[in-house]
Amino acid sequence: QVQLVESGGGLAQAGGSLTLSCAASEYTFNNYRMAWFRLPPGEEREFVATFSWSGSNTYYADSVKGRFTISRDNSKNTVYLQMNDLKPEDTAVYYCAVQETSTQPYFSPEGYEHWGRGTQVTVSS
């Protein structure tokens, strides 16, 4: 059974940085898409970042492009989200997710079969 555990969330000041980690149990990243989503307070879950199916490209939401970086370590079954120049509007619960099939666009939460429990990120102004 796939288990995804996020960590690294917390409180940061605007302009600061945080790095989130998502550890997967008994899972390989080679054939599936890993992604980060977030749920801002009072809003719907939104796409943040992911890899292409080949793993050679990355995709980002416009709101985080140039500030966030997604990466992964296959030997550790872990995906990371480096978040720099944080803004108050980045405040959200951040989730990692796994997509097993490519029937849905990479930015659609409905296309992901497995989710972690999330980690809270709060950015103060």
Protein backbone atom coordinates (compact mmCIF):
# COMPACT_ATOMS: atom_id res chain seq x y z
CA GLN A 1 0.00 0.00 0.00
CA VAL A 2 1.30 3.40 -0.95
CA GLN A 3 1.98 5.74 1.92
CA LEU A 4 3.10 9.30 1.50
CA VAL A 5 4.37 11.30 4.46
CA GLU A 6 5.05 15.01 4.16
CA SER A 7 7.33 16.91 6.50
CA GLY A 8 9.13 20.20 6.74
CA GLY A 9 6.22 22.57 7.10
CA GLY A 10 6.11 25.29 9.69
CA LEU A 11 6.10 29.02 10.22
CA ALA A 12 8.20 31.32 8.06
CA GLN A 13 8.44 35.04 7.53
CA ALA A 14 7.80 36.62 4.18
CA GLY A 15 10.93 36.35 2.09
CA GLY A 16 12.08 33.27 3.95
CA SER A 17 12.51 29.68 2.85
CA LEU A 18 11.26 26.24 3.73
CA THR A 19 11.93 22.81 2.27
CA LEU A 20 9.20 20.20 2.25
CA SER A 21 9.87 16.48 1.93
CA CYS A 22 7.58 13.67 0.89
CA ALA A 23 8.71 10.16 1.73
CA ALA A 24 6.98 7.25 0.00
CA SER A 25 6.90 3.76 1.36
CA GLU A 26 7.55 0.74 -0.85
CA TYR A 27 7.19 2.77 -3.96
CA THR A 28 9.20 3.56 -7.03
CA PHE A 29 9.17 6.90 -8.75
CA ASN A 30 10.31 5.57 -12.08
CA ASN A 31 6.89 4.90 -13.57
CA TYR A 32 4.60 7.34 -11.76
CA ARG A 33 4.17 11.06 -11.48
CA MET A 34 4.83 12.78 -8.16
CA ALA A 35 3.42 16.21 -7.50
CA TRP A 36 2.84 18.87 -4.89
CA PHE A 37 -0.52 20.51 -4.34
CA ARG A 38 -1.70 22.96 -1.70
CA LEU A 39 -4.92 23.90 0.01
CA PRO A 40 -5.04 27.58 1.00
CA PRO A 41 -7.50 28.54 3.73
CA GLY A 42 -10.98 28.93 2.34
CA GLU A 43 -9.96 27.92 -1.16
CA GLU A 44 -9.80 24.80 -3.31
CA ARG A 45 -6.84 22.51 -3.66
CA GLU A 46 -4.44 23.81 -6.29
CA PHE A 47 -1.53 22.49 -8.25
CA VAL A 48 1.96 23.60 -7.24
CA ALA A 49 4.63 21.55 -9.03
CA THR A 50 5.33 18.24 -10.69
CA PHE A 51 7.57 16.33 -13.08
CA SER A 52 6.92 15.17 -16.59
CA TRP A 53 6.31 11.45 -17.01
CA SER A 54 9.88 10.98 -18.16
CA GLY A 55 11.09 12.93 -15.16
CA SER A 56 13.23 15.14 -17.32
CA ASN A 57 11.02 18.22 -17.11
CA THR A 58 9.28 20.08 -14.33
CA TYR A 59 6.07 22.07 -14.29
CA TYR A 60 5.05 24.81 -11.91
CA ALA A 61 2.02 26.90 -11.16
CA ASP A 62 2.52 30.46 -12.34
CA SER A 63 2.18 31.70 -8.76
CA VAL A 64 5.29 29.80 -7.63
CA LYS A 65 7.42 29.77 -10.78
CA GLY A 66 10.90 31.07 -10.10
CA ARG A 67 10.50 30.69 -6.34
CA PHE A 68 9.78 26.98 -5.79
CA THR A 69 11.81 24.00 -6.99
CA ILE A 70 10.67 20.40 -7.08
CA SER A 71 13.28 17.67 -6.95
CA ARG A 72 13.55 14.03 -5.99
CA ASP A 73 15.92 11.40 -4.74
CA ASN A 74 14.92 8.02 -6.15
CA SER A 75 17.32 6.18 -3.85
CA LYS A 76 15.39 7.58 -0.89
CA ASN A 77 11.93 7.44 -2.47
CA THR A 78 11.60 11.09 -1.55
CA VAL A 79 10.44 14.17 -3.40
CA TYR A 80 11.24 17.69 -2.21
CA LEU A 81 9.80 21.14 -2.61
CA GLN A 82 12.26 23.93 -2.00
CA MET A 83 10.30 27.13 -1.35
CA ASN A 84 12.13 30.45 -1.49
CA ASP A 85 10.96 34.04 -1.23
CA LEU A 86 7.85 32.91 0.56
CA LYS A 87 4.79 35.13 0.53
CA PRO A 88 1.79 35.25 2.86
CA GLU A 89 -0.33 33.91 0.00
CA ASP A 90 1.76 30.71 0.08
CA THR A 91 0.09 29.88 3.38
CA ALA A 92 -1.62 26.53 2.90
CA VAL A 93 -1.59 22.87 3.72
CA TYR A 94 0.82 21.26 1.27
CA TYR A 95 0.22 17.75 -0.02
CA CYS A 96 2.26 15.39 -2.10
CA ALA A 97 0.43 13.10 -4.48
CA VAL A 98 1.04 10.22 -6.86
CA GLN A 99 -0.51 9.81 -10.30
CA GLU A 100 -0.39 6.31 -11.70
CA THR A 101 -2.05 6.92 -15.06
CA SER A 102 -1.97 9.81 -17.47
CA THR A 103 -5.67 10.14 -18.15
CA GLN A 104 -5.89 13.49 -16.37
CA PRO A 105 -3.82 16.65 -16.81
CA TYR A 106 -0.91 16.96 -14.43
CA PHE A 107 -2.48 20.00 -12.76
CA SER A 108 -5.78 18.26 -11.97
CA PRO A 109 -6.09 16.92 -8.39
CA GLU A 110 -8.67 14.41 -9.63
CA GLY A 111 -5.97 12.62 -11.57
CA TYR A 112 -3.95 11.60 -8.53
CA GLU A 113 -4.69 8.31 -6.81
CA HIS A 114 -2.65 8.64 -3.64
CA TRP A 115 -2.24 11.53 -1.24
CA GLY A 116 -0.32 12.31 1.89
CA ARG A 117 -1.92 13.86 4.94
CA GLY A 118 -0.37 17.23 4.30
CA THR A 119 1.92 19.61 6.14
CA GLN A 120 1.00 23.14 7.19
CA VAL A 121 2.98 26.08 5.88
CA THR A 122 2.25 29.48 7.38
CA VAL A 123 3.95 32.62 6.09
CA SER A 124 3.71 35.77 8.14
CA SER A 125 4.04 39.24 6.68
